[in-house]
Amino acid sequence: MSILIVEDNPINAKLLEVNLQKNAYQTILAQSAKEALEHLTSTPQIQLIISDIMMPEMDGLELINKIKEQTEWKNIPIIMCSSLADMETVKKAVDAGCKHYIIKPFKKEHLLAKVRETLENEKPVLKDKNEIKTQLGLDEETYQEVARTFASMINDKIALLEKRIKGETEAGKSLDLLGLLESSVYLGAERIRNFLEELTEKTGKSEKEMKNSEYSSLLKEMKILQDALPSSTPNQVS
């Protein structure tokens, strides 16, 4: 999981990178809004965006609007970090969908507090495995076996999704969204569970009614989960 920094000033970018990396956050740097969109397309693991407003070609407010227009990106939280401190600009950023607005020059403690607060409010990819073991009454060996089976299921569904997006279909092959939702509940895969509940229960959509953009959003979520389910499952992934 990574934090995307969108900042054209190299000094500001370096300060953001250093402060985040020293606190165990992985970062990706984009020097323009266009480059940020390219990273979002190629990197499904981005879980937070920190963006400047004043940038050439496309400013930060335009970037927010572009992000919120895309189904697969619209739920990624955004923190604006800008030297613009007037209430009109702040209101525009908040109305566009940013979670927090930080004024430059930022204080390290304030930046980290807002990052932690934002990420803590996001659904974890996986609950702590000890919590799941207790809930299901599993020992370590059995948990690892179940986790590997779940990981194999995710890998198969990713392959099927990629074919669907390309317009390829296989007779008799189904994503079985309800089965995936049930398995996600058992394994504590909270983020994909939340996504599937919104997709299937709130919208009432079946697999056949899904749009290509929804397939792409599901694929992004599945790849994030895939990264959290290596062959040797760690004690905790969030």
Protein backbone atom coordinates (compact mmCIF):
# COMPACT_ATOMS: atom_id res chain seq x y z
CA MET A 1 0.00 0.00 0.00
CA SER A 2 1.37 3.40 -0.98
CA ILE A 3 0.78 7.12 -0.58
CA LEU A 4 0.84 9.08 -3.84
CA ILE A 5 2.47 12.52 -3.46
CA VAL A 6 1.52 14.99 -6.21
CA GLU A 7 3.91 17.94 -5.95
CA ASP A 8 5.84 19.88 -8.61
CA ASN A 9 8.13 21.68 -6.15
CA PRO A 10 11.10 19.33 -5.51
CA ILE A 11 11.78 20.70 -2.01
CA ASN A 12 8.19 20.24 -0.86
CA ALA A 13 8.11 16.81 -2.48
CA LYS A 14 11.30 15.72 -0.69
CA LEU A 15 10.04 16.96 2.69
CA LEU A 16 6.79 15.02 2.27
CA GLU A 17 8.65 11.89 1.16
CA VAL A 18 11.18 11.97 3.99
CA ASN A 19 8.61 12.56 6.73
CA LEU A 20 6.33 9.81 5.46
CA GLN A 21 9.06 7.26 4.77
CA LYS A 22 10.62 7.79 8.20
CA ASN A 23 7.27 6.75 9.63
CA ALA A 24 7.12 3.52 7.60
CA TYR A 25 4.86 4.77 4.80
CA GLN A 26 5.65 3.80 1.21
CA THR A 27 5.47 6.71 -1.21
CA ILE A 28 5.16 7.32 -4.94
CA LEU A 29 5.99 10.75 -6.35
CA ALA A 30 4.22 12.48 -9.24
CA GLN A 31 5.47 15.87 -10.38
CA SER A 32 2.24 16.76 -12.17
CA ALA A 33 -1.44 15.90 -12.14
CA LYS A 34 -1.02 14.07 -15.45
CA GLU A 35 1.73 11.91 -13.96
CA ALA A 36 -0.49 11.27 -10.93
CA LEU A 37 -3.25 9.91 -13.17
CA GLU A 38 -0.72 7.63 -14.85
CA HIS A 39 0.38 6.25 -11.47
CA LEU A 40 -3.25 5.68 -10.45
CA THR A 41 -3.79 3.71 -13.65
CA SER A 42 -0.72 1.51 -13.17
CA THR A 43 -0.63 1.14 -9.36
CA PRO A 44 -3.77 -0.27 -7.69
CA GLN A 45 -2.05 -0.28 -4.27
CA ILE A 46 -2.33 3.49 -3.78
CA GLN A 47 -4.39 4.07 -0.61
CA LEU A 48 -3.98 7.83 -0.09
CA ILE A 49 -3.20 10.90 -2.21
CA ILE A 50 -1.48 14.04 -0.91
CA SER A 51 -1.66 16.78 -3.54
CA ASP A 52 -0.64 20.38 -4.07
CA ILE A 53 -3.13 22.74 -5.70
CA MET A 54 -0.97 25.12 -7.74
CA MET A 55 0.50 23.01 -10.54
CA PRO A 56 0.98 23.66 -14.28
CA GLU A 57 -1.44 22.31 -16.92
CA MET A 58 -3.87 20.78 -14.41
CA ASP A 59 -4.21 22.07 -10.84
CA GLY A 60 -5.02 20.04 -7.75
CA LEU A 61 -8.73 20.89 -7.76
CA GLU A 62 -9.05 19.68 -11.35
CA LEU A 63 -7.15 16.54 -10.35
CA ILE A 64 -9.64 15.81 -7.54
CA ASN A 65 -12.52 16.10 -10.00
CA LYS A 66 -10.80 13.72 -12.43
CA ILE A 67 -10.22 11.19 -9.64
CA LYS A 68 -13.77 11.38 -8.32
CA GLU A 69 -15.15 10.78 -11.83
CA GLN A 70 -13.52 7.34 -11.98
CA THR A 71 -15.30 4.47 -10.22
CA GLU A 72 -12.05 2.69 -9.39
CA TRP A 73 -10.45 5.79 -7.81
CA LYS A 74 -13.30 7.77 -6.28
CA ASN A 75 -12.96 6.21 -2.82
CA ILE A 76 -9.23 6.93 -2.47
CA PRO A 77 -8.96 9.61 0.26
CA ILE A 78 -7.22 12.87 -0.68
CA ILE A 79 -5.34 15.37 1.49
CA MET A 80 -4.59 18.75 -0.05
CA CYS A 81 -1.30 20.39 0.95
CA SER A 82 -1.07 23.95 -0.34
CA SER A 83 0.19 27.44 0.43
CA LEU A 84 -3.23 28.80 -0.54
CA ALA A 85 -5.00 29.60 2.71
CA ASP A 86 -8.06 31.58 1.61
CA MET A 87 -11.42 30.17 2.65
CA GLU A 88 -12.77 30.08 -0.92
CA THR A 89 -10.02 27.68 -2.05
CA VAL A 90 -10.34 25.53 1.06
CA LYS A 91 -14.12 25.30 0.55
CA LYS A 92 -13.65 24.31 -3.10
CA ALA A 93 -11.25 21.55 -2.08
CA VAL A 94 -13.56 20.21 0.63
CA ASP A 95 -16.59 20.38 -1.67
CA ALA A 96 -14.62 18.48 -4.33
CA GLY A 97 -14.02 15.67 -1.85
CA CYS A 98 -10.70 16.16 -0.06
CA LYS A 99 -10.55 14.75 3.49
CA HIS A 100 -8.13 17.30 4.99
CA TYR A 101 -6.50 20.58 3.97
CA ILE A 102 -2.96 21.28 5.20
CA ILE A 103 -1.38 24.72 4.86
CA LYS A 104 2.27 25.02 3.77
CA PRO A 105 4.77 25.18 5.27
CA PHE A 106 3.39 22.13 7.05
CA LYS A 107 4.43 20.88 10.47
CA LYS A 108 5.57 17.27 10.55
CA GLU A 109 3.35 16.38 13.51
CA HIS A 110 0.28 17.89 11.83
CA LEU A 111 0.96 16.07 8.55
CA LEU A 112 1.43 12.69 10.23
CA ALA A 113 -1.63 13.16 12.42
CA LYS A 114 -3.84 13.84 9.39
CA VAL A 115 -2.34 10.90 7.47
CA ARG A 116 -2.90 8.52 10.40
CA GLU A 117 -6.42 9.81 10.97
CA THR A 118 -7.32 9.38 7.30
CA LEU A 119 -5.91 5.87 7.01
CA GLU A 120 -7.41 4.71 10.30
CA ASN A 121 -10.84 5.61 8.98
CA GLU A 122 -10.31 3.41 5.94
CA LYS A 123 -11.36 -0.24 5.95
CA PRO A 124 -8.36 -2.53 6.64
CA VAL A 125 -7.41 -4.95 3.89
CA LEU A 126 -7.28 -7.79 6.43
CA LYS A 127 -8.12 -8.05 10.10
CA ASP A 128 -5.46 -9.30 12.49
CA LYS A 129 -5.04 -13.02 11.87
CA ASN A 130 -5.16 -13.85 15.58
CA GLU A 131 -8.61 -12.27 15.76
CA ILE A 132 -9.75 -14.42 12.83
CA LYS A 133 -8.23 -17.57 14.32
CA THR A 134 -10.14 -16.96 17.55
CA GLN A 135 -13.41 -16.22 15.77
CA LEU A 136 -13.19 -19.36 13.62
CA GLY A 137 -11.58 -21.59 16.26
CA LEU A 138 -8.55 -22.38 14.08
CA ASP A 139 -5.01 -23.33 15.01
CA GLU A 140 -2.07 -21.80 13.12
CA GLU A 141 -1.67 -24.67 10.66
CA THR A 142 -5.35 -24.74 9.75
CA TYR A 143 -5.48 -20.96 9.43
CA GLN A 144 -2.54 -21.00 7.00
CA GLU A 145 -4.24 -23.71 4.95
CA VAL A 146 -7.49 -21.73 4.76
CA ALA A 147 -5.57 -18.52 3.92
CA ARG A 148 -3.73 -20.27 1.08
CA THR A 149 -7.03 -21.58 -0.29
CA PHE A 150 -8.45 -18.07 -0.14
CA ALA A 151 -5.37 -16.67 -1.90
CA SER A 152 -5.74 -19.27 -4.65
CA MET A 153 -9.40 -18.26 -5.06
CA ILE A 154 -8.39 -14.61 -5.38
CA ASN A 155 -5.74 -15.44 -7.99
CA ASP A 156 -8.29 -17.37 -10.08
CA LYS A 157 -10.83 -14.55 -9.91
CA ILE A 158 -8.22 -11.95 -10.88
CA ALA A 159 -7.36 -13.99 -13.98
CA LEU A 160 -11.07 -14.27 -14.85
CA LEU A 161 -11.64 -10.54 -14.28
CA GLU A 162 -8.73 -9.62 -16.55
CA LYS A 163 -10.28 -11.73 -19.31
CA ARG A 164 -13.70 -10.15 -18.78
CA ILE A 165 -12.23 -6.66 -19.09
CA LYS A 166 -10.56 -7.68 -22.35
CA GLY A 167 -13.92 -8.91 -23.63
CA GLU A 168 -12.99 -12.57 -23.35
CA THR A 169 -15.48 -14.97 -21.79
CA GLU A 170 -15.30 -18.61 -20.74
CA ALA A 171 -18.39 -20.80 -20.82
CA GLY A 172 -19.50 -21.82 -17.34
CA LYS A 173 -17.05 -19.49 -15.59
CA SER A 174 -18.56 -17.22 -12.93
CA LEU A 175 -17.05 -14.71 -10.53
CA ASP A 176 -19.47 -15.99 -7.85
CA LEU A 177 -19.61 -12.64 -6.07
CA LEU A 178 -21.74 -13.95 -3.21
CA GLY A 179 -19.28 -16.79 -2.60
CA LEU A 180 -16.43 -14.30 -2.61
CA LEU A 181 -18.32 -12.07 -0.17
CA GLU A 182 -18.92 -15.01 2.18
CA SER A 183 -15.25 -16.04 2.08
CA SER A 184 -14.19 -12.43 2.70
CA VAL A 185 -16.33 -12.32 5.84
CA TYR A 186 -14.69 -15.51 7.16
CA LEU A 187 -11.13 -14.34 6.45
CA GLY A 188 -11.67 -10.78 7.71
CA ALA A 189 -10.98 -9.22 4.31
CA GLU A 190 -12.80 -6.03 5.31
CA ARG A 191 -12.00 -3.81 2.37
CA ILE A 192 -13.16 -6.21 -0.35
CA ARG A 193 -16.13 -7.19 1.83
CA ASN A 194 -17.23 -3.56 2.04
CA PHE A 195 -16.80 -3.14 -1.72
CA LEU A 196 -18.81 -6.27 -2.52
CA GLU A 197 -21.60 -5.36 -0.10
CA GLU A 198 -22.01 -1.99 -1.80
CA LEU A 199 -21.90 -3.60 -5.24
CA THR A 200 -24.29 -6.51 -4.65
CA GLU A 201 -26.56 -5.58 -1.77
CA LYS A 202 -27.04 -1.84 -2.05
CA THR A 203 -27.20 -1.68 -5.85
CA GLY A 204 -28.79 -5.11 -6.25
CA LYS A 205 -26.54 -5.77 -9.23
CA SER A 206 -25.86 -9.24 -10.51
CA GLU A 207 -22.65 -10.26 -12.23
CA LYS A 208 -24.27 -10.00 -15.66
CA GLU A 209 -25.34 -6.41 -15.00
CA MET A 210 -21.88 -5.16 -14.07
CA LYS A 211 -20.26 -2.48 -16.22
CA ASN A 212 -16.66 -2.62 -17.41
CA SER A 213 -15.76 0.19 -14.99
CA GLU A 214 -17.13 -1.92 -12.12
CA TYR A 215 -15.08 -4.89 -13.29
CA SER A 216 -12.02 -2.61 -13.25
CA SER A 217 -12.82 -1.38 -9.73
CA LEU A 218 -13.28 -4.94 -8.50
CA LEU A 219 -9.99 -5.96 -10.15
CA LYS A 220 -8.19 -3.14 -8.32
CA GLU A 221 -9.61 -4.26 -4.97
CA MET A 222 -8.74 -7.89 -5.70
CA LYS A 223 -5.13 -7.00 -6.50
CA ILE A 224 -4.81 -5.06 -3.24
CA LEU A 225 -6.09 -8.13 -1.41
CA GLN A 226 -3.77 -10.37 -3.43
CA ASP A 227 -0.78 -8.33 -2.22
CA ALA A 228 -1.97 -8.77 1.38
CA LEU A 229 -2.24 -12.55 0.99
CA PRO A 230 1.28 -13.83 0.20
CA SER A 231 2.01 -17.55 0.35
CA SER A 232 3.23 -17.01 3.91
CA THR A 233 0.50 -14.91 5.52
CA PRO A 234 1.85 -12.25 7.94
CA ASN A 235 0.46 -11.71 11.42
CA GLN A 236 -1.28 -8.52 10.42
CA VAL A 237 -1.89 -6.63 7.24
CA SER A 238 -3.75 -3.36 7.08
